[in-house]
Amino acid sequence: MLIRLFNQPDRKDLRRQLRNKSTGAEWLLWRALRGSQTGWKFRRQHGIGPYVVDFYCPKVRLVVEVDGDVHFEPEAILYDEERTAFFNENDIRVLRITNAEIYESLNSVVDIIVARCRK
């Protein structure tokens, strides 16, 4: 039996909730990425396997995760490592950006994301 990797139907409500409750940093970054402004199409709160990622560029199989303070706690670090391993096993790259980086230099963050897409 083939398991659906992207946007599993049973997680649709969760994806919608996460889109409606975006953090300030996620919202700022989405404003910069949406509508192919960067030359790359991104999706937000996209389902991949059992996970929902902040942003995903399907053309280059790149996940962009926005990390707040909670991501630096020991349990969260382990959880993020498991997620990253799952994505890597499915030939998906992961780029982690902190809230602080977005608030301090959004343009630089966008440049980093675009550069990673070009690789």
PDB file of N, CA and C in Angstrom:
ATOM      1  N   MET A   1       0.835  -1.182   0.000  1.00  0.00           N
ATOM      2  CA  MET A   1       0.000   0.000   0.000  1.00  0.00           C
ATOM      3  C   MET A   1       0.878   1.243   0.000  1.00  0.00           C
ATOM      4  N   LEU A   2       0.585   2.163  -0.861  1.00  0.00           N
ATOM      5  CA  LEU A   2       1.340   3.403  -0.977  1.00  0.00           C
ATOM      6  C   LEU A   2       0.800   4.426   0.008  1.00  0.00           C
ATOM      7  N   ILE A   3       1.694   5.008   0.820  1.00  0.00           N
ATOM      8  CA  ILE A   3       1.295   6.023   1.790  1.00  0.00           C
ATOM      9  C   ILE A   3       1.477   7.398   1.160  1.00  0.00           C
ATOM     10  N   ARG A   4       0.477   8.222   1.280  1.00  0.00           N
ATOM     11  CA  ARG A   4       0.523   9.575   0.739  1.00  0.00           C
ATOM     12  C   ARG A   4       1.492  10.406   1.580  1.00  0.00           C
ATOM     13  N   LEU A   5       2.485  11.021   0.928  1.00  0.00           N
ATOM     14  CA  LEU A   5       3.510  11.784   1.647  1.00  0.00           C
ATOM     15  C   LEU A   5       3.058  13.210   1.921  1.00  0.00           C
ATOM     16  N   PHE A   6       2.385  13.845   0.974  1.00  0.00           N
ATOM     17  CA  PHE A   6       2.061  15.264   1.108  1.00  0.00           C
ATOM     18  C   PHE A   6       0.586  15.489   1.419  1.00  0.00           C
ATOM     19  N   ASN A   7       0.351  16.422   2.348  1.00  0.00           N
ATOM     20  CA  ASN A   7      -0.999  16.892   2.702  1.00  0.00           C
ATOM     21  C   ASN A   7      -2.008  15.769   2.888  1.00  0.00           C
ATOM     22  N   GLN A   8      -1.734  14.928   3.863  1.00  0.00           N
ATOM     23  CA  GLN A   8      -2.654  13.848   4.181  1.00  0.00           C
ATOM     24  C   GLN A   8      -4.010  14.446   4.586  1.00  0.00           C
ATOM     25  N   PRO A   9      -5.091  13.928   4.020  1.00  0.00           N
ATOM     26  CA  PRO A   9      -6.421  14.517   4.245  1.00  0.00           C
ATOM     27  C   PRO A   9      -6.826  14.620   5.717  1.00  0.00           C
ATOM     28  N   ASP A  10      -6.415  13.646   6.544  1.00  0.00           N
ATOM     29  CA  ASP A  10      -6.827  13.661   7.950  1.00  0.00           C
ATOM     30  C   ASP A  10      -6.158  14.771   8.763  1.00  0.00           C
ATOM     31  N   ARG A  11      -5.194  15.472   8.182  1.00  0.00           N
ATOM     32  CA  ARG A  11      -4.491  16.553   8.888  1.00  0.00           C
ATOM     33  C   ARG A  11      -4.863  17.936   8.334  1.00  0.00           C
ATOM     34  N   LYS A  12      -5.882  17.983   7.480  1.00  0.00           N
ATOM     35  CA  LYS A  12      -6.277  19.240   6.842  1.00  0.00           C
ATOM     36  C   LYS A  12      -6.694  20.290   7.868  1.00  0.00           C
ATOM     37  N   ASP A  13      -7.473  19.903   8.865  1.00  0.00           N
ATOM     38  CA  ASP A  13      -7.911  20.870   9.877  1.00  0.00           C
ATOM     39  C   ASP A  13      -6.731  21.432  10.659  1.00  0.00           C
ATOM     40  N   LEU A  14      -5.760  20.593  10.973  1.00  0.00           N
ATOM     41  CA  LEU A  14      -4.573  21.059  11.678  1.00  0.00           C
ATOM     42  C   LEU A  14      -3.809  22.073  10.836  1.00  0.00           C
ATOM     43  N   ARG A  15      -3.635  21.784   9.551  1.00  0.00           N
ATOM     44  CA  ARG A  15      -2.927  22.721   8.675  1.00  0.00           C
ATOM     45  C   ARG A  15      -3.655  24.061   8.623  1.00  0.00           C
ATOM     46  N   ARG A  16      -4.972  24.019   8.544  1.00  0.00           N
ATOM     47  CA  ARG A  16      -5.774  25.250   8.506  1.00  0.00           C
ATOM     48  C   ARG A  16      -5.621  26.028   9.818  1.00  0.00           C
ATOM     49  N   GLN A  17      -5.675  25.340  10.951  1.00  0.00           N
ATOM     50  CA  GLN A  17      -5.508  25.998  12.248  1.00  0.00           C
ATOM     51  C   GLN A  17      -4.148  26.676  12.349  1.00  0.00           C
ATOM     52  N   LEU A  18      -3.120  25.987  11.912  1.00  0.00           N
ATOM     53  CA  LEU A  18      -1.771  26.555  11.982  1.00  0.00           C
ATOM     54  C   LEU A  18      -1.636  27.783  11.077  1.00  0.00           C
ATOM     55  N   ARG A  19      -2.259  27.752   9.913  1.00  0.00           N
ATOM     56  CA  ARG A  19      -2.231  28.923   9.032  1.00  0.00           C
ATOM     57  C   ARG A  19      -2.934  30.110   9.689  1.00  0.00           C
ATOM     58  N   ASN A  20      -4.034  29.831  10.367  1.00  0.00           N
ATOM     59  CA  ASN A  20      -4.806  30.907  10.999  1.00  0.00           C
ATOM     60  C   ASN A  20      -4.159  31.442  12.274  1.00  0.00           C
ATOM     61  N   LYS A  21      -3.223  30.703  12.842  1.00  0.00           N
ATOM     62  CA  LYS A  21      -2.566  31.123  14.083  1.00  0.00           C
ATOM     63  C   LYS A  21      -1.055  31.284  13.878  1.00  0.00           C
ATOM     64  N   SER A  22      -0.664  31.830  12.759  1.00  0.00           N
ATOM     65  CA  SER A  22       0.759  32.029  12.468  1.00  0.00           C
ATOM     66  C   SER A  22       1.378  32.977  13.483  1.00  0.00           C
ATOM     67  N   THR A  23       2.648  32.748  13.784  1.00  0.00           N
ATOM     68  CA  THR A  23       3.374  33.677  14.643  1.00  0.00           C
ATOM     69  C   THR A  23       3.688  34.935  13.839  1.00  0.00           C
ATOM     70  N   GLY A  24       4.081  35.988  14.522  1.00  0.00           N
ATOM     71  CA  GLY A  24       4.441  37.225  13.836  1.00  0.00           C
ATOM     72  C   GLY A  24       5.572  37.020  12.854  1.00  0.00           C
ATOM     73  N   ALA A  25       6.571  36.231  13.244  1.00  0.00           N
ATOM     74  CA  ALA A  25       7.715  35.983  12.361  1.00  0.00           C
ATOM     75  C   ALA A  25       7.288  35.188  11.132  1.00  0.00           C
ATOM     76  N   GLU A  26       6.435  34.188  11.328  1.00  0.00           N
ATOM     77  CA  GLU A  26       5.947  33.405  10.179  1.00  0.00           C
ATOM     78  C   GLU A  26       5.155  34.297   9.230  1.00  0.00           C
ATOM     79  N   TRP A  27       4.328  35.159   9.787  1.00  0.00           N
ATOM     80  CA  TRP A  27       3.521  36.047   8.964  1.00  0.00           C
ATOM     81  C   TRP A  27       4.404  36.992   8.150  1.00  0.00           C
ATOM     82  N   LEU A  28       5.441  37.571   8.772  1.00  0.00           N
ATOM     83  CA  LEU A  28       6.358  38.464   8.045  1.00  0.00           C
ATOM     84  C   LEU A  28       7.061  37.722   6.910  1.00  0.00           C
ATOM     85  N   LEU A  29       7.540  36.529   7.221  1.00  0.00           N
ATOM     86  CA  LEU A  29       8.246  35.761   6.197  1.00  0.00           C
ATOM     87  C   LEU A  29       7.292  35.364   5.074  1.00  0.00           C
ATOM     88  N   TRP A  30       6.070  34.985   5.406  1.00  0.00           N
ATOM     89  CA  TRP A  30       5.103  34.620   4.375  1.00  0.00           C
ATOM     90  C   TRP A  30       4.821  35.794   3.449  1.00  0.00           C
ATOM     91  N   ARG A  31       4.720  36.987   4.004  1.00  0.00           N
ATOM     92  CA  ARG A  31       4.496  38.167   3.161  1.00  0.00           C
ATOM     93  C   ARG A  31       5.618  38.341   2.146  1.00  0.00           C
ATOM     94  N   ALA A  32       6.831  37.948   2.517  1.00  0.00           N
ATOM     95  CA  ALA A  32       7.982  38.089   1.615  1.00  0.00           C
ATOM     96  C   ALA A  32       8.071  36.939   0.606  1.00  0.00           C
ATOM     97  N   LEU A  33       7.505  35.776   0.942  1.00  0.00           N
ATOM     98  CA  LEU A  33       7.645  34.588   0.085  1.00  0.00           C
ATOM     99  C   LEU A  33       6.438  34.321  -0.806  1.00  0.00           C
ATOM    100  N   ARG A  34       5.269  34.748  -0.401  1.00  0.00           N
ATOM    101  CA  ARG A  34       4.047  34.349  -1.108  1.00  0.00           C
ATOM    102  C   ARG A  34       3.974  34.919  -2.522  1.00  0.00           C
ATOM    103  N   GLY A  35       3.199  34.253  -3.332  1.00  0.00           N
ATOM    104  CA  GLY A  35       2.962  34.728  -4.689  1.00  0.00           C
ATOM    105  C   GLY A  35       4.180  34.695  -5.586  1.00  0.00           C
ATOM    106  N   SER A  36       5.118  33.842  -5.312  1.00  0.00           N
ATOM    107  CA  SER A  36       6.322  33.687  -6.149  1.00  0.00           C
ATOM    108  C   SER A  36       7.113  34.992  -6.281  1.00  0.00           C
ATOM    109  N   GLN A  37       7.038  35.867  -5.290  1.00  0.00           N
ATOM    110  CA  GLN A  37       7.784  37.131  -5.330  1.00  0.00           C
ATOM    111  C   GLN A  37       9.293  36.910  -5.473  1.00  0.00           C
ATOM    112  N   THR A  38       9.754  35.795  -4.942  1.00  0.00           N
ATOM    113  CA  THR A  38      11.179  35.494  -4.953  1.00  0.00           C
ATOM    114  C   THR A  38      11.599  34.746  -6.214  1.00  0.00           C
ATOM    115  N   GLY A  39      10.621  34.380  -7.033  1.00  0.00           N
ATOM    116  CA  GLY A  39      10.903  33.536  -8.194  1.00  0.00           C
ATOM    117  C   GLY A  39      10.690  32.062  -7.884  1.00  0.00           C
ATOM    118  N   TRP A  40      10.334  31.761  -6.645  1.00  0.00           N
ATOM    119  CA  TRP A  40      10.103  30.389  -6.202  1.00  0.00           C
ATOM    120  C   TRP A  40       8.730  30.320  -5.539  1.00  0.00           C
ATOM    121  N   LYS A  41       7.980  29.286  -5.836  1.00  0.00           N
ATOM    122  CA  LYS A  41       6.655  29.123  -5.234  1.00  0.00           C
ATOM    123  C   LYS A  41       6.788  28.392  -3.900  1.00  0.00           C
ATOM    124  N   PHE A  42       6.254  29.008  -2.874  1.00  0.00           N
ATOM    125  CA  PHE A  42       6.249  28.404  -1.538  1.00  0.00           C
ATOM    126  C   PHE A  42       4.819  28.136  -1.099  1.00  0.00           C
ATOM    127  N   ARG A  43       4.674  27.120  -0.290  1.00  0.00           N
ATOM    128  CA  ARG A  43       3.408  26.810   0.365  1.00  0.00           C
ATOM    129  C   ARG A  43       3.647  26.960   1.864  1.00  0.00           C
ATOM    130  N   ARG A  44       2.626  27.401   2.587  1.00  0.00           N
ATOM    131  CA  ARG A  44       2.812  27.501   4.036  1.00  0.00           C
ATOM    132  C   ARG A  44       1.931  26.486   4.739  1.00  0.00           C
ATOM    133  N   GLN A  45       2.409  26.048   5.904  1.00  0.00           N
ATOM    134  CA  GLN A  45       1.744  25.019   6.696  1.00  0.00           C
ATOM    135  C   GLN A  45       1.375  23.848   5.797  1.00  0.00           C
ATOM    136  N   HIS A  46       2.414  23.294   5.208  1.00  0.00           N
ATOM    137  CA  HIS A  46       2.277  22.200   4.236  1.00  0.00           C
ATOM    138  C   HIS A  46       2.536  20.870   4.949  1.00  0.00           C
ATOM    139  N   GLY A  47       1.685  19.897   4.696  1.00  0.00           N
ATOM    140  CA  GLY A  47       1.846  18.586   5.309  1.00  0.00           C
ATOM    141  C   GLY A  47       2.825  17.717   4.548  1.00  0.00           C
ATOM    142  N   ILE A  48       3.764  17.149   5.302  1.00  0.00           N
ATOM    143  CA  ILE A  48       4.718  16.190   4.733  1.00  0.00           C
ATOM    144  C   ILE A  48       4.772  15.015   5.707  1.00  0.00           C
ATOM    145  N   GLY A  49       4.256  13.870   5.271  1.00  0.00           N
ATOM    146  CA  GLY A  49       4.169  12.720   6.167  1.00  0.00           C
ATOM    147  C   GLY A  49       3.347  13.098   7.387  1.00  0.00           C
ATOM    148  N   PRO A  50       3.825  12.733   8.580  1.00  0.00           N
ATOM    149  CA  PRO A  50       3.064  13.039   9.796  1.00  0.00           C
ATOM    150  C   PRO A  50       3.280  14.467  10.301  1.00  0.00           C
ATOM    151  N   TYR A  51       4.036  15.268   9.583  1.00  0.00           N
ATOM    152  CA  TYR A  51       4.420  16.600  10.044  1.00  0.00           C
ATOM    153  C   TYR A  51       3.780  17.710   9.210  1.00  0.00           C
ATOM    154  N   VAL A  52       3.683  18.878   9.817  1.00  0.00           N
ATOM    155  CA  VAL A  52       3.268  20.083   9.111  1.00  0.00           C
ATOM    156  C   VAL A  52       4.433  21.060   9.210  1.00  0.00           C
ATOM    157  N   VAL A  53       4.939  21.490   8.070  1.00  0.00           N
ATOM    158  CA  VAL A  53       6.087  22.393   8.042  1.00  0.00           C
ATOM    159  C   VAL A  53       5.619  23.828   7.835  1.00  0.00           C
ATOM    160  N   ASP A  54       6.438  24.771   8.253  1.00  0.00           N
ATOM    161  CA  ASP A  54       6.070  26.179   8.129  1.00  0.00           C
ATOM    162  C   ASP A  54       5.971  26.595   6.663  1.00  0.00           C
ATOM    163  N   PHE A  55       7.022  26.321   5.882  1.00  0.00           N
ATOM    164  CA  PHE A  55       7.040  26.677   4.458  1.00  0.00           C
ATOM    165  C   PHE A  55       7.691  25.554   3.668  1.00  0.00           C
ATOM    166  N   TYR A  56       7.214  25.368   2.435  1.00  0.00           N
ATOM    167  CA  TYR A  56       7.764  24.313   1.583  1.00  0.00           C
ATOM    168  C   TYR A  56       7.798  24.791   0.145  1.00  0.00           C
ATOM    169  N   CYS A  57       8.950  24.610  -0.502  1.00  0.00           N
ATOM    170  CA  CYS A  57       9.101  24.905  -1.923  1.00  0.00           C
ATOM    171  C   CYS A  57       9.183  23.563  -2.653  1.00  0.00           C
ATOM    172  N   PRO A  58       8.087  23.151  -3.302  1.00  0.00           N
ATOM    173  CA  PRO A  58       8.064  21.821  -3.916  1.00  0.00           C
ATOM    174  C   PRO A  58       9.051  21.647  -5.065  1.00  0.00           C
ATOM    175  N   LYS A  59       9.335  22.698  -5.802  1.00  0.00           N
ATOM    176  CA  LYS A  59      10.215  22.571  -6.966  1.00  0.00           C
ATOM    177  C   LYS A  59      11.606  22.093  -6.574  1.00  0.00           C
ATOM    178  N   VAL A  60      12.111  22.568  -5.434  1.00  0.00           N
ATOM    179  CA  VAL A  60      13.462  22.182  -5.009  1.00  0.00           C
ATOM    180  C   VAL A  60      13.448  21.329  -3.742  1.00  0.00           C
ATOM    181  N   ARG A  61      12.239  20.934  -3.295  1.00  0.00           N
ATOM    182  CA  ARG A  61      12.087  20.072  -2.118  1.00  0.00           C
ATOM    183  C   ARG A  61      12.818  20.661  -0.908  1.00  0.00           C
ATOM    184  N   LEU A  62      12.464  21.911  -0.603  1.00  0.00           N
ATOM    185  CA  LEU A  62      13.079  22.622   0.520  1.00  0.00           C
ATOM    186  C   LEU A  62      12.022  23.003   1.546  1.00  0.00           C
ATOM    187  N   VAL A  63      12.257  22.609   2.789  1.00  0.00           N
ATOM    188  CA  VAL A  63      11.434  23.009   3.930  1.00  0.00           C
ATOM    189  C   VAL A  63      12.131  24.173   4.613  1.00  0.00           C
ATOM    190  N   VAL A  64      11.366  25.208   4.948  1.00  0.00           N
ATOM    191  CA  VAL A  64      11.882  26.317   5.744  1.00  0.00           C
ATOM    192  C   VAL A  64      11.094  26.328   7.043  1.00  0.00           C
ATOM    193  N   GLU A  65      11.786  26.131   8.141  1.00  0.00           N
ATOM    194  CA  GLU A  65      11.163  26.126   9.455  1.00  0.00           C
ATOM    195  C   GLU A  65      11.551  27.391  10.204  1.00  0.00           C
ATOM    196  N   VAL A  66      10.565  28.027  10.823  1.00  0.00           N
ATOM    197  CA  VAL A  66      10.788  29.225  11.619  1.00  0.00           C
ATOM    198  C   VAL A  66      10.776  28.792  13.080  1.00  0.00           C
ATOM    199  N   ASP A  67      11.906  28.978  13.745  1.00  0.00           N
ATOM    200  CA  ASP A  67      12.072  28.495  15.116  1.00  0.00           C
ATOM    201  C   ASP A  67      12.018  29.616  16.134  1.00  0.00           C
ATOM    202  N   GLY A  68      11.074  29.502  17.067  1.00  0.00           N
ATOM    203  CA  GLY A  68      10.996  30.402  18.202  1.00  0.00           C
ATOM    204  C   GLY A  68      11.778  29.820  19.367  1.00  0.00           C
ATOM    205  N   ASP A  69      11.673  30.448  20.513  1.00  0.00           N
ATOM    206  CA  ASP A  69      12.434  30.029  21.690  1.00  0.00           C
ATOM    207  C   ASP A  69      12.171  28.590  22.106  1.00  0.00           C
ATOM    208  N   VAL A  70      10.959  28.115  21.926  1.00  0.00           N
ATOM    209  CA  VAL A  70      10.604  26.763  22.350  1.00  0.00           C
ATOM    210  C   VAL A  70      11.443  25.703  21.635  1.00  0.00           C
ATOM    211  N   HIS A  71      11.937  26.011  20.455  1.00  0.00           N
ATOM    212  CA  HIS A  71      12.714  25.038  19.683  1.00  0.00           C
ATOM    213  C   HIS A  71      14.108  24.790  20.257  1.00  0.00           C
ATOM    214  N   PHE A  72      14.493  25.553  21.260  1.00  0.00           N
ATOM    215  CA  PHE A  72      15.822  25.384  21.850  1.00  0.00           C
ATOM    216  C   PHE A  72      15.781  24.630  23.171  1.00  0.00           C
ATOM    217  N   GLU A  73      14.608  24.112  23.538  1.00  0.00           N
ATOM    218  CA  GLU A  73      14.475  23.268  24.717  1.00  0.00           C
ATOM    219  C   GLU A  73      14.845  21.842  24.324  1.00  0.00           C
ATOM    220  N   PRO A  74      15.412  21.061  25.285  1.00  0.00           N
ATOM    221  CA  PRO A  74      15.920  19.716  24.946  1.00  0.00           C
ATOM    222  C   PRO A  74      14.921  18.821  24.211  1.00  0.00           C
ATOM    223  N   GLU A  75      13.655  18.778  24.657  1.00  0.00           N
ATOM    224  CA  GLU A  75      12.671  17.912  24.013  1.00  0.00           C
ATOM    225  C   GLU A  75      12.406  18.364  22.578  1.00  0.00           C
ATOM    226  N   ALA A  76      12.346  19.667  22.398  1.00  0.00           N
ATOM    227  CA  ALA A  76      12.078  20.213  21.062  1.00  0.00           C
ATOM    228  C   ALA A  76      13.240  19.959  20.126  1.00  0.00           C
ATOM    229  N   ILE A  77      14.444  20.041  20.645  1.00  0.00           N
ATOM    230  CA  ILE A  77      15.627  19.769  19.825  1.00  0.00           C
ATOM    231  C   ILE A  77      15.578  18.335  19.297  1.00  0.00           C
ATOM    232  N   LEU A  78      15.256  17.391  20.176  1.00  0.00           N
ATOM    233  CA  LEU A  78      15.153  15.981  19.752  1.00  0.00           C
ATOM    234  C   LEU A  78      14.037  15.791  18.724  1.00  0.00           C
ATOM    235  N   TYR A  79      12.897  16.422  18.965  1.00  0.00           N
ATOM    236  CA  TYR A  79      11.771  16.318  18.036  1.00  0.00           C
ATOM    237  C   TYR A  79      12.151  16.895  16.672  1.00  0.00           C
ATOM    238  N   ASP A  80      12.800  18.052  16.664  1.00  0.00           N
ATOM    239  CA  ASP A  80      13.219  18.664  15.395  1.00  0.00           C
ATOM    240  C   ASP A  80      14.238  17.796  14.664  1.00  0.00           C
ATOM    241  N   GLU A  81      15.116  17.129  15.412  1.00  0.00           N
ATOM    242  CA  GLU A  81      16.085  16.225  14.788  1.00  0.00           C
ATOM    243  C   GLU A  81      15.376  15.045  14.126  1.00  0.00           C
ATOM    244  N   GLU A  82      14.338  14.514  14.778  1.00  0.00           N
ATOM    245  CA  GLU A  82      13.565  13.411  14.201  1.00  0.00           C
ATOM    246  C   GLU A  82      12.866  13.863  12.917  1.00  0.00           C
ATOM    247  N   ARG A  83      12.280  15.043  12.962  1.00  0.00           N
ATOM    248  CA  ARG A  83      11.609  15.593  11.778  1.00  0.00           C
ATOM    249  C   ARG A  83      12.600  15.754  10.631  1.00  0.00           C
ATOM    250  N   THR A  84      13.738  16.347  10.935  1.00  0.00           N
ATOM    251  CA  THR A  84      14.754  16.573   9.905  1.00  0.00           C
ATOM    252  C   THR A  84      15.220  15.251   9.306  1.00  0.00           C
ATOM    253  N   ALA A  85      15.404  14.241  10.140  1.00  0.00           N
ATOM    254  CA  ALA A  85      15.821  12.925   9.640  1.00  0.00           C
ATOM    255  C   ALA A  85      14.758  12.357   8.700  1.00  0.00           C
ATOM    256  N   PHE A  86      13.488  12.499   9.061  1.00  0.00           N
ATOM    257  CA  PHE A  86      12.397  12.025   8.201  1.00  0.00           C
ATOM    258  C   PHE A  86      12.434  12.737   6.854  1.00  0.00           C
ATOM    259  N   PHE A  87      12.594  14.055   6.879  1.00  0.00           N
ATOM    260  CA  PHE A  87      12.631  14.812   5.618  1.00  0.00           C
ATOM    261  C   PHE A  87      13.824  14.396   4.778  1.00  0.00           C
ATOM    262  N   ASN A  88      14.986  14.275   5.402  1.00  0.00           N
ATOM    263  CA  ASN A  88      16.191  13.879   4.671  1.00  0.00           C
ATOM    264  C   ASN A  88      16.023  12.495   4.042  1.00  0.00           C
ATOM    265  N   GLU A  89      15.362  11.573   4.749  1.00  0.00           N
ATOM    266  CA  GLU A  89      15.112  10.233   4.208  1.00  0.00           C
ATOM    267  C   GLU A  89      14.223  10.292   2.965  1.00  0.00           C
ATOM    268  N   ASN A  90      13.434  11.346   2.865  1.00  0.00           N
ATOM    269  CA  ASN A  90      12.536  11.526   1.722  1.00  0.00           C
ATOM    270  C   ASN A  90      13.078  12.546   0.730  1.00  0.00           C
ATOM    271  N   ASP A  91      14.395  12.772   0.783  1.00  0.00           N
ATOM    272  CA  ASP A  91      15.090  13.660  -0.148  1.00  0.00           C
ATOM    273  C   ASP A  91      14.555  15.099  -0.109  1.00  0.00           C
ATOM    274  N   ILE A  92      14.271  15.562   1.110  1.00  0.00           N
ATOM    275  CA  ILE A  92      13.804  16.930   1.325  1.00  0.00           C
ATOM    276  C   ILE A  92      14.806  17.614   2.244  1.00  0.00           C
ATOM    277  N   ARG A  93      15.282  18.782   1.810  1.00  0.00           N
ATOM    278  CA  ARG A  93      16.245  19.541   2.606  1.00  0.00           C
ATOM    279  C   ARG A  93      15.506  20.443   3.590  1.00  0.00           C
ATOM    280  N   VAL A  94      16.172  20.779   4.690  1.00  0.00           N
ATOM    281  CA  VAL A  94      15.564  21.611   5.723  1.00  0.00           C
ATOM    282  C   VAL A  94      16.472  22.803   6.011  1.00  0.00           C
ATOM    283  N   LEU A  95      15.860  23.979   6.054  1.00  0.00           N
ATOM    284  CA  LEU A  95      16.549  25.212   6.437  1.00  0.00           C
ATOM    285  C   LEU A  95      15.818  25.770   7.640  1.00  0.00           C
ATOM    286  N   ARG A  96      16.548  25.966   8.739  1.00  0.00           N
ATOM    287  CA  ARG A  96      15.954  26.500   9.966  1.00  0.00           C
ATOM    288  C   ARG A  96      16.349  27.965  10.111  1.00  0.00           C
ATOM    289  N   ILE A  97      15.348  28.791  10.372  1.00  0.00           N
ATOM    290  CA  ILE A  97      15.528  30.226  10.557  1.00  0.00           C
ATOM    291  C   ILE A  97      14.911  30.585  11.911  1.00  0.00           C
ATOM    292  N   THR A  98      15.549  31.453  12.668  1.00  0.00           N
ATOM    293  CA  THR A  98      14.980  31.840  13.957  1.00  0.00           C
ATOM    294  C   THR A  98      14.084  33.063  13.807  1.00  0.00           C
ATOM    295  N   ASN A  99      13.175  33.199  14.751  1.00  0.00           N
ATOM    296  CA  ASN A  99      12.330  34.392  14.786  1.00  0.00           C
ATOM    297  C   ASN A  99      13.191  35.647  14.811  1.00  0.00           C
ATOM    298  N   ALA A 100      14.233  35.628  15.628  1.00  0.00           N
ATOM    299  CA  ALA A 100      15.109  36.793  15.767  1.00  0.00           C
ATOM    300  C   ALA A 100      15.722  37.178  14.433  1.00  0.00           C
ATOM    301  N   GLU A 101      16.157  36.201  13.649  1.00  0.00           N
ATOM    302  CA  GLU A 101      16.743  36.504  12.337  1.00  0.00           C
ATOM    303  C   GLU A 101      15.730  37.198  11.430  1.00  0.00           C
ATOM    304  N   ILE A 102      14.488  36.752  11.495  1.00  0.00           N
ATOM    305  CA  ILE A 102      13.446  37.362  10.660  1.00  0.00           C
ATOM    306  C   ILE A 102      13.187  38.797  11.102  1.00  0.00           C
ATOM    307  N   TYR A 103      13.061  39.006  12.412  1.00  0.00           N
ATOM    308  CA  TYR A 103      12.776  40.350  12.918  1.00  0.00           C
ATOM    309  C   TYR A 103      13.946  41.306  12.700  1.00  0.00           C
ATOM    310  N   GLU A 104      15.163  40.797  12.798  1.00  0.00           N
ATOM    311  CA  GLU A 104      16.342  41.657  12.682  1.00  0.00           C
ATOM    312  C   GLU A 104      16.729  41.945  11.238  1.00  0.00           C
ATOM    313  N   SER A 105      16.519  40.977  10.342  1.00  0.00           N
ATOM    314  CA  SER A 105      16.972  41.175   8.969  1.00  0.00           C
ATOM    315  C   SER A 105      16.192  40.301   7.988  1.00  0.00           C
ATOM    316  N   LEU A 106      14.952  40.657   7.767  1.00  0.00           N
ATOM    317  CA  LEU A 106      14.087  39.883   6.885  1.00  0.00           C
ATOM    318  C   LEU A 106      14.672  39.749   5.483  1.00  0.00           C
ATOM    319  N   ASN A 107      15.220  40.826   4.949  1.00  0.00           N
ATOM    320  CA  ASN A 107      15.784  40.771   3.593  1.00  0.00           C
ATOM    321  C   ASN A 107      16.929  39.773   3.500  1.00  0.00           C
ATOM    322  N   SER A 108      17.768  39.718   4.522  1.00  0.00           N
ATOM    323  CA  SER A 108      18.873  38.747   4.526  1.00  0.00           C
ATOM    324  C   SER A 108      18.346  37.320   4.594  1.00  0.00           C
ATOM    325  N   VAL A 109      17.304  37.114   5.378  1.00  0.00           N
ATOM    326  CA  VAL A 109      16.695  35.785   5.482  1.00  0.00           C
ATOM    327  C   VAL A 109      16.149  35.354   4.124  1.00  0.00           C
ATOM    328  N   VAL A 110      15.464  36.247   3.455  1.00  0.00           N
ATOM    329  CA  VAL A 110      14.915  35.928   2.126  1.00  0.00           C
ATOM    330  C   VAL A 110      16.051  35.616   1.158  1.00  0.00           C
ATOM    331  N   ASP A 111      17.135  36.390   1.217  1.00  0.00           N
ATOM    332  CA  ASP A 111      18.294  36.119   0.357  1.00  0.00           C
ATOM    333  C   ASP A 111      18.869  34.734   0.618  1.00  0.00           C
ATOM    334  N   ILE A 112      18.942  34.340   1.891  1.00  0.00           N
ATOM    335  CA  ILE A 112      19.454  33.009   2.249  1.00  0.00           C
ATOM    336  C   ILE A 112      18.543  31.919   1.684  1.00  0.00           C
ATOM    337  N   ILE A 113      17.238  32.112   1.815  1.00  0.00           N
ATOM    338  CA  ILE A 113      16.281  31.128   1.310  1.00  0.00           C
ATOM    339  C   ILE A 113      16.396  31.004  -0.214  1.00  0.00           C
ATOM    340  N   VAL A 114      16.459  32.119  -0.904  1.00  0.00           N
ATOM    341  CA  VAL A 114      16.568  32.093  -2.371  1.00  0.00           C
ATOM    342  C   VAL A 114      17.879  31.417  -2.792  1.00  0.00           C
ATOM    343  N   ALA A 115      18.968  31.719  -2.089  1.00  0.00           N
ATOM    344  CA  ALA A 115      20.254  31.087  -2.401  1.00  0.00           C
ATOM    345  C   ALA A 115      20.164  29.576  -2.207  1.00  0.00           C
ATOM    346  N   ARG A 116      19.477  29.134  -1.163  1.00  0.00           N
ATOM    347  CA  ARG A 116      19.328  27.702  -0.928  1.00  0.00           C
ATOM    348  C   ARG A 116      18.473  27.060  -2.013  1.00  0.00           C
ATOM    349  N   CYS A 117      17.495  27.775  -2.501  1.00  0.00           N
ATOM    350  CA  CYS A 117      16.665  27.245  -3.598  1.00  0.00           C
ATOM    351  C   CYS A 117      17.490  27.072  -4.871  1.00  0.00           C
ATOM    352  N   ARG A 118      18.414  27.960  -5.094  1.00  0.00           N
ATOM    353  CA  ARG A 118      19.239  27.897  -6.315  1.00  0.00           C
ATOM    354  C   ARG A 118      20.265  26.782  -6.284  1.00  0.00           C
ATOM    355  N   LYS A 119      20.613  26.274  -5.092  1.00  0.00           N
ATOM    356  CA  LYS A 119      21.624  25.210  -4.973  1.00  0.00           C
ATOM    357  C   LYS A 119      21.142  23.936  -5.605  1.00  0.00           C
TER     358      LYS A 119
END
